[in-house]
């Protein structure tokens, strides 16, 4: 959608934590942390949420007296979907496209690691223990991928490339995509359940005790979407009870994952610190996406990756 700027060089505020966007140069730019954002927002027309794990935008919103456009350096926008922003005319864009291929590679890596029992191999190596065993093939197994957007589709393509049968699930049915309502009948077929959906009211807590009970005991779960897609106590119970073969979580309800969380030591569990999309050069790519949109904003041209604030993601493609 087009957004016309009142000036050629709008005042830009960047919300950051320890690191700042590399190579970002623009006139009228301010830098703020979560503690100083409220003071920086007055007069700000463009807000770059570089620290996309922060809730500072929500808390500082009353000071946003001139804001017209918010861009987040992430694909997910759940931390920015709050009533005041929803009810405002402020345009919200995300960094869709940066994370698709890296996250698909990461998911494939997790599938291979679990099927080939690589965690046990590394553990045995550290003990200098020679313990021969057999591993599993992934070709011919069934992966149910929840999330019909670019990330989910990239995951589906890569898993299919190694011979896996993939069932893709989105919000609504389209070519090659099942509607969300088909998920219960797909779960019993799944050897792998991959969650790559955005966090919305419809997806929050989707993997609960009922959904877990529908999976085979030999199935494994991978979550690279949002932590709140999974009811973590239900997952803990399923793994402890031997009703699920394993899980790999890259995202969690609370991050960093507390040191006393049972998820650290569950059988068949792989824990990673929200890094599935973070590859060498990813920060520079995020800056390029914002810089391209900033040039469009200054020229009064349509912005890319405009989020439908009522849905919580970019439309115009599969969802």
Protein backbone atom coordinates (compact mmCIF):
# COMPACT_ATOMS: atom_id res chain seq x y z
CA UNK A 1 0.00 0.00 0.00
CA UNK A 2 1.31 3.49 -0.74
CA UNK A 3 2.48 5.73 2.08
CA UNK A 4 3.41 9.30 1.35
CA UNK A 5 5.95 11.03 3.55
CA UNK A 6 5.54 14.59 4.72
CA UNK A 7 9.24 15.17 4.14
CA UNK A 8 12.10 13.68 2.15
CA UNK A 9 14.01 12.79 5.30
CA UNK A 10 11.57 11.60 7.98
CA UNK A 11 12.74 11.27 11.56
CA UNK A 12 13.67 7.62 12.13
CA UNK A 13 14.07 5.91 15.48
CA UNK A 14 15.80 2.53 15.81
CA UNK A 15 14.90 0.36 18.80
CA UNK A 16 17.95 -1.79 19.53
CA UNK A 17 19.53 -3.77 22.35
CA UNK A 18 23.30 -4.32 22.54
CA UNK A 19 23.89 -4.34 18.79
CA UNK A 20 22.82 -1.75 16.24
CA UNK A 21 21.92 -2.38 12.59
CA UNK A 22 25.22 -2.71 10.71
CA UNK A 23 25.83 -0.11 8.03
CA UNK A 24 22.51 1.69 8.53
CA UNK A 25 23.01 5.29 7.48
CA UNK A 26 20.13 7.73 7.15
CA UNK A 27 19.41 11.38 7.85
CA UNK A 28 17.36 12.15 10.92
CA UNK A 29 18.07 8.85 12.67
CA UNK A 30 17.84 8.28 16.42
CA UNK A 31 18.87 5.22 18.40
CA UNK A 32 17.02 4.06 21.48
CA UNK A 33 16.95 1.08 23.80
CA UNK A 34 13.89 -0.25 25.57
CA UNK A 35 14.60 2.09 28.48
CA UNK A 36 14.89 5.22 26.31
CA UNK A 37 12.36 4.58 23.54
CA UNK A 38 9.59 6.60 25.19
CA UNK A 39 11.84 9.68 25.20
CA UNK A 40 12.89 9.13 21.57
CA UNK A 41 9.43 8.55 20.08
CA UNK A 42 8.02 12.12 20.07
CA UNK A 43 8.39 13.42 16.52
CA UNK A 44 9.38 10.01 15.17
CA UNK A 45 7.74 9.20 11.85
CA UNK A 46 9.44 5.86 11.12
CA UNK A 47 10.28 3.23 13.75
CA UNK A 48 12.66 0.34 13.03
CA UNK A 49 12.20 -2.38 15.63
CA UNK A 50 15.65 -3.94 15.44
CA UNK A 51 15.24 -5.51 18.89
CA UNK A 52 12.22 -7.58 17.93
CA UNK A 53 12.20 -9.44 21.26
CA UNK A 54 11.35 -6.24 23.14
CA UNK A 55 7.91 -5.13 24.33
CA UNK A 56 9.07 -1.51 24.53
CA UNK A 57 6.92 -0.36 21.60
CA UNK A 58 3.76 -1.41 23.40
CA UNK A 59 4.85 0.27 26.64
CA UNK A 60 6.04 3.47 24.93
CA UNK A 61 3.15 3.85 22.50
CA UNK A 62 1.54 6.90 24.21
CA UNK A 63 4.61 8.93 23.20
CA UNK A 64 4.19 8.09 19.50
CA UNK A 65 2.71 11.40 18.36
CA UNK A 66 3.89 11.41 14.73
CA UNK A 67 4.42 7.76 13.89
CA UNK A 68 3.32 6.58 10.45
CA UNK A 69 5.28 3.40 9.78
CA UNK A 70 6.73 0.61 11.95
CA UNK A 71 9.12 -1.97 10.47
CA UNK A 72 10.30 -5.01 12.42
CA UNK A 73 13.51 -6.90 11.73
CA UNK A 74 11.68 -10.22 12.06
CA UNK A 75 9.07 -12.28 10.27
CA UNK A 76 6.81 -12.59 13.32
CA UNK A 77 4.90 -9.53 14.50
CA UNK A 78 3.09 -10.89 17.54
CA UNK A 79 4.87 -8.52 19.95
CA UNK A 80 3.58 -5.57 17.90
CA UNK A 81 -0.04 -6.67 17.62
CA UNK A 82 -1.53 -4.70 20.49
CA UNK A 83 -4.82 -2.76 20.50
CA UNK A 84 -3.37 0.73 20.20
CA UNK A 85 -1.35 -0.11 17.10
CA UNK A 86 -4.20 -2.15 15.65
CA UNK A 87 -6.58 0.77 15.98
CA UNK A 88 -4.14 3.30 14.54
CA UNK A 89 -3.44 4.14 10.88
CA UNK A 90 0.24 3.25 11.39
CA UNK A 91 1.52 0.87 8.70
CA UNK A 92 3.34 -2.25 9.91
CA UNK A 93 5.88 -4.12 7.76
CA UNK A 94 8.09 -7.11 8.48
CA UNK A 95 11.26 -8.75 7.14
CA UNK A 96 9.57 -11.55 5.24
CA UNK A 97 11.92 -13.36 2.87
CA UNK A 98 15.14 -13.15 4.86
CA UNK A 99 14.61 -16.26 6.95
CA UNK A 100 12.94 -18.73 4.55
CA UNK A 101 15.94 -20.67 3.25
CA UNK A 102 17.99 -20.61 6.49
CA UNK A 103 15.07 -21.91 8.53
CA UNK A 104 14.34 -24.64 6.00
CA UNK A 105 17.97 -25.75 6.17
CA UNK A 106 17.83 -25.73 9.96
CA UNK A 107 14.69 -27.89 10.02
CA UNK A 108 16.28 -30.38 7.63
CA UNK A 109 19.34 -30.43 9.86
CA UNK A 110 17.18 -31.24 12.89
CA UNK A 111 15.36 -34.00 11.02
CA UNK A 112 18.65 -35.60 10.02
CA UNK A 113 20.15 -35.14 13.49
CA UNK A 114 17.27 -36.95 15.14
CA UNK A 115 16.86 -39.66 12.51
CA UNK A 116 20.59 -40.40 12.53
CA UNK A 117 20.82 -40.07 16.35
CA UNK A 118 23.62 -37.52 16.15
CA UNK A 119 23.14 -36.24 19.73
CA UNK A 120 23.86 -39.75 21.05
CA UNK A 121 26.88 -40.02 18.75
CA UNK A 122 28.35 -36.78 20.10
CA UNK A 123 27.60 -37.82 23.69
CA UNK A 124 29.31 -41.19 23.14
CA UNK A 125 32.31 -39.46 21.58
CA UNK A 126 32.70 -37.25 24.65
CA UNK A 127 32.72 -40.42 26.77
CA UNK A 128 35.20 -42.09 24.31
CA UNK A 129 32.64 -44.87 23.97
CA UNK A 130 32.41 -46.99 20.81
CA UNK A 131 28.75 -47.99 20.56
CA UNK A 132 27.49 -49.21 17.19
CA UNK A 133 23.78 -48.87 16.45
CA UNK A 134 21.38 -48.45 13.54
CA UNK A 135 19.75 -45.21 12.49
CA UNK A 136 16.61 -44.33 10.55
CA UNK A 137 15.97 -43.32 6.95
CA UNK A 138 14.12 -40.08 6.34
CA UNK A 139 13.12 -40.81 2.73
CA UNK A 140 9.58 -42.09 2.64
CA UNK A 141 8.62 -40.68 6.02
CA UNK A 142 5.77 -38.18 6.36
CA UNK A 143 6.25 -34.59 7.49
CA UNK A 144 3.26 -32.43 8.37
CA UNK A 145 4.38 -28.80 8.10
CA UNK A 146 2.09 -26.26 9.74
CA UNK A 147 2.50 -22.82 8.17
CA UNK A 148 1.63 -22.20 4.55
CA UNK A 149 3.61 -18.99 4.15
CA UNK A 150 7.08 -18.57 2.60
CA UNK A 151 8.91 -20.20 5.51
CA UNK A 152 6.61 -23.23 5.62
CA UNK A 153 6.79 -23.63 1.86
CA UNK A 154 10.60 -23.43 1.89
CA UNK A 155 10.68 -26.13 4.57
CA UNK A 156 8.28 -28.30 2.58
CA UNK A 157 10.40 -28.01 -0.58
CA UNK A 158 13.61 -28.98 1.18
CA UNK A 159 12.09 -31.93 3.02
CA UNK A 160 10.52 -33.17 -0.20
CA UNK A 161 13.92 -32.90 -1.90
CA UNK A 162 15.29 -35.64 0.39
CA UNK A 163 12.39 -37.94 -0.39
CA UNK A 164 9.99 -37.11 2.42
CA UNK A 165 6.25 -37.00 1.86
CA UNK A 166 5.09 -33.54 2.91
CA UNK A 167 1.62 -32.38 3.91
CA UNK A 168 1.52 -28.58 4.12
CA UNK A 169 -1.12 -26.93 6.32
CA UNK A 170 -2.10 -23.26 6.10
CA UNK A 171 -4.91 -21.04 7.31
CA UNK A 172 -7.02 -21.91 4.32
CA UNK A 173 -6.86 -24.49 1.54
CA UNK A 174 -5.08 -23.73 -1.73
CA UNK A 175 -3.14 -25.71 -4.29
CA UNK A 176 -0.86 -28.06 -2.38
CA UNK A 177 -2.00 -26.70 1.00
CA UNK A 178 -4.52 -28.16 3.44
CA UNK A 179 -6.78 -25.87 5.45
CA UNK A 180 -6.09 -25.65 9.18
CA UNK A 181 -9.21 -27.70 9.87
CA UNK A 182 -7.57 -30.74 8.25
CA UNK A 183 -4.76 -30.89 10.80
CA UNK A 184 -6.44 -33.36 13.23
CA UNK A 185 -6.80 -35.97 10.48
CA UNK A 186 -3.20 -35.43 9.34
CA UNK A 187 -1.57 -35.78 12.75
CA UNK A 188 -1.85 -39.60 12.95
CA UNK A 189 0.04 -39.85 9.64
CA UNK A 190 2.94 -37.67 10.76
CA UNK A 191 6.40 -39.03 11.44
CA UNK A 192 7.48 -35.41 11.77
CA UNK A 193 5.33 -32.46 12.85
CA UNK A 194 6.98 -29.16 11.96
CA UNK A 195 5.50 -25.95 13.35
CA UNK A 196 6.36 -22.85 11.31
CA UNK A 197 3.13 -20.88 11.70
CA UNK A 198 2.78 -17.29 12.93
CA UNK A 199 1.44 -16.77 16.42
CA UNK A 200 -2.22 -15.73 16.23
CA UNK A 201 -5.25 -16.39 18.39
CA UNK A 202 -6.02 -19.35 16.12
CA UNK A 203 -2.57 -20.93 16.48
CA UNK A 204 -1.76 -20.18 20.11
CA UNK A 205 -1.49 -23.45 22.06
CA UNK A 206 -2.27 -25.54 18.96
CA UNK A 207 0.04 -28.36 20.08
CA UNK A 208 -1.69 -29.37 23.28
CA UNK A 209 -2.42 -32.70 24.97
CA UNK A 210 -5.16 -33.52 22.48
CA UNK A 211 -2.96 -32.89 19.44
CA UNK A 212 -0.03 -34.75 21.00
CA UNK A 213 -2.24 -37.76 21.73
CA UNK A 214 -3.13 -37.92 18.02
CA UNK A 215 0.53 -38.36 17.05
CA UNK A 216 2.21 -41.74 16.82
CA UNK A 217 4.57 -42.60 19.70
CA UNK A 218 7.33 -42.76 17.09
CA UNK A 219 6.66 -39.21 15.86
CA UNK A 220 8.87 -36.19 16.53
CA UNK A 221 7.97 -32.50 16.84
CA UNK A 222 9.99 -29.54 15.57
CA UNK A 223 8.99 -25.97 16.45
CA UNK A 224 10.68 -23.05 14.66
CA UNK A 225 7.57 -20.83 14.68
CA UNK A 226 6.72 -19.28 18.02
CA UNK A 227 7.06 -20.79 21.47
CA UNK A 228 3.43 -20.21 22.38
CA UNK A 229 2.31 -22.56 19.60
CA UNK A 230 3.18 -25.37 22.01
CA UNK A 231 1.65 -26.04 25.41
CA UNK A 232 4.99 -26.88 26.97
CA UNK A 233 3.75 -28.79 30.05
CA UNK A 234 1.76 -31.10 27.73
CA UNK A 235 4.87 -31.71 25.63
CA UNK A 236 6.89 -32.46 28.76
CA UNK A 237 4.29 -35.01 29.86
CA UNK A 238 4.24 -36.70 26.44
CA UNK A 239 8.03 -37.06 26.31
CA UNK A 240 8.34 -38.22 29.90
CA UNK A 241 5.58 -40.74 29.37
CA UNK A 242 7.16 -42.17 26.24
CA UNK A 243 4.21 -41.12 24.10
CA UNK A 244 6.45 -39.15 21.73
CA UNK A 245 9.86 -40.14 20.34
CA UNK A 246 11.42 -36.70 20.52
CA UNK A 247 11.21 -32.98 19.92
CA UNK A 248 13.42 -30.12 18.79
CA UNK A 249 12.46 -26.66 19.97
CA UNK A 250 14.10 -23.48 18.74
CA UNK A 251 11.49 -21.18 20.28
CA UNK A 252 9.93 -21.13 23.74
CA UNK A 253 7.14 -19.52 25.73
CA UNK A 254 9.75 -17.67 27.79
CA UNK A 255 13.12 -16.73 26.35
CA UNK A 256 15.86 -17.21 27.34
CA UNK A 257 14.71 -20.65 28.46
CA UNK A 258 15.04 -20.73 32.28
CA UNK A 259 17.85 -22.95 33.55
CA UNK A 260 15.40 -24.91 35.71
CA UNK A 261 13.08 -25.76 32.80
CA UNK A 262 12.50 -29.53 32.43
CA UNK A 263 12.85 -29.09 28.67
CA UNK A 264 16.65 -29.05 29.01
CA UNK A 265 16.91 -32.67 30.11
CA UNK A 266 13.97 -34.47 28.54
CA UNK A 267 14.64 -37.70 26.60
CA UNK A 268 14.81 -37.12 22.86
CA UNK A 269 14.91 -33.33 23.21
CA UNK A 270 17.06 -30.85 21.27
CA UNK A 271 17.04 -27.28 22.60
CA UNK A 272 18.42 -24.38 20.57
CA UNK A 273 18.36 -20.64 21.43
CA UNK A 274 16.01 -19.15 18.79
CA UNK A 275 18.63 -19.31 16.05
CA UNK A 276 17.06 -21.25 13.18
CA UNK A 277 16.99 -18.25 10.83
CA UNK A 278 20.21 -16.60 11.95
CA UNK A 279 23.02 -17.24 9.49
CA UNK A 280 26.17 -15.32 8.64
CA UNK A 281 25.13 -12.04 7.01
CA UNK A 282 21.54 -12.10 8.24
CA UNK A 283 21.82 -8.70 9.96
CA UNK A 284 23.05 -7.11 6.75
CA UNK A 285 20.13 -8.67 4.85
CA UNK A 286 17.70 -7.25 7.39
CA UNK A 287 19.18 -3.79 6.92
CA UNK A 288 18.84 -4.15 3.14
CA UNK A 289 15.14 -4.97 3.48
CA UNK A 290 14.54 -1.91 5.64
CA UNK A 291 16.67 0.36 3.43
CA UNK A 292 14.72 -0.71 0.35
CA UNK A 293 11.43 0.06 2.07
CA UNK A 294 12.76 3.37 3.38
CA UNK A 295 13.63 4.41 -0.18
CA UNK A 296 10.11 3.47 -1.21
CA UNK A 297 8.64 5.43 1.70
CA UNK A 298 10.60 8.54 0.81
CA UNK A 299 9.48 8.27 -2.81
CA UNK A 300 5.84 7.72 -1.86
CA UNK A 301 5.87 4.24 -3.42
CA UNK A 302 4.09 1.15 -2.08
CA UNK A 303 5.93 -0.58 0.75
CA UNK A 304 6.83 -4.26 0.66
CA UNK A 305 5.83 -6.79 3.29
CA UNK A 306 2.86 -4.85 4.62
CA UNK A 307 1.29 -6.83 7.45
CA UNK A 308 -2.46 -7.27 7.68
CA UNK A 309 -2.73 -6.21 11.30
CA UNK A 310 -6.02 -8.04 11.81
CA UNK A 311 -4.46 -11.35 10.70
CA UNK A 312 -0.93 -10.90 12.03
CA UNK A 313 1.00 -11.62 8.85
CA UNK A 314 1.64 -10.46 5.28
CA UNK A 315 -1.09 -11.43 2.83
CA UNK A 316 -0.87 -11.61 -0.93
CA UNK A 317 0.72 -15.07 -0.86
CA UNK A 318 -0.11 -18.32 0.85
CA UNK A 319 -0.98 -18.01 4.50
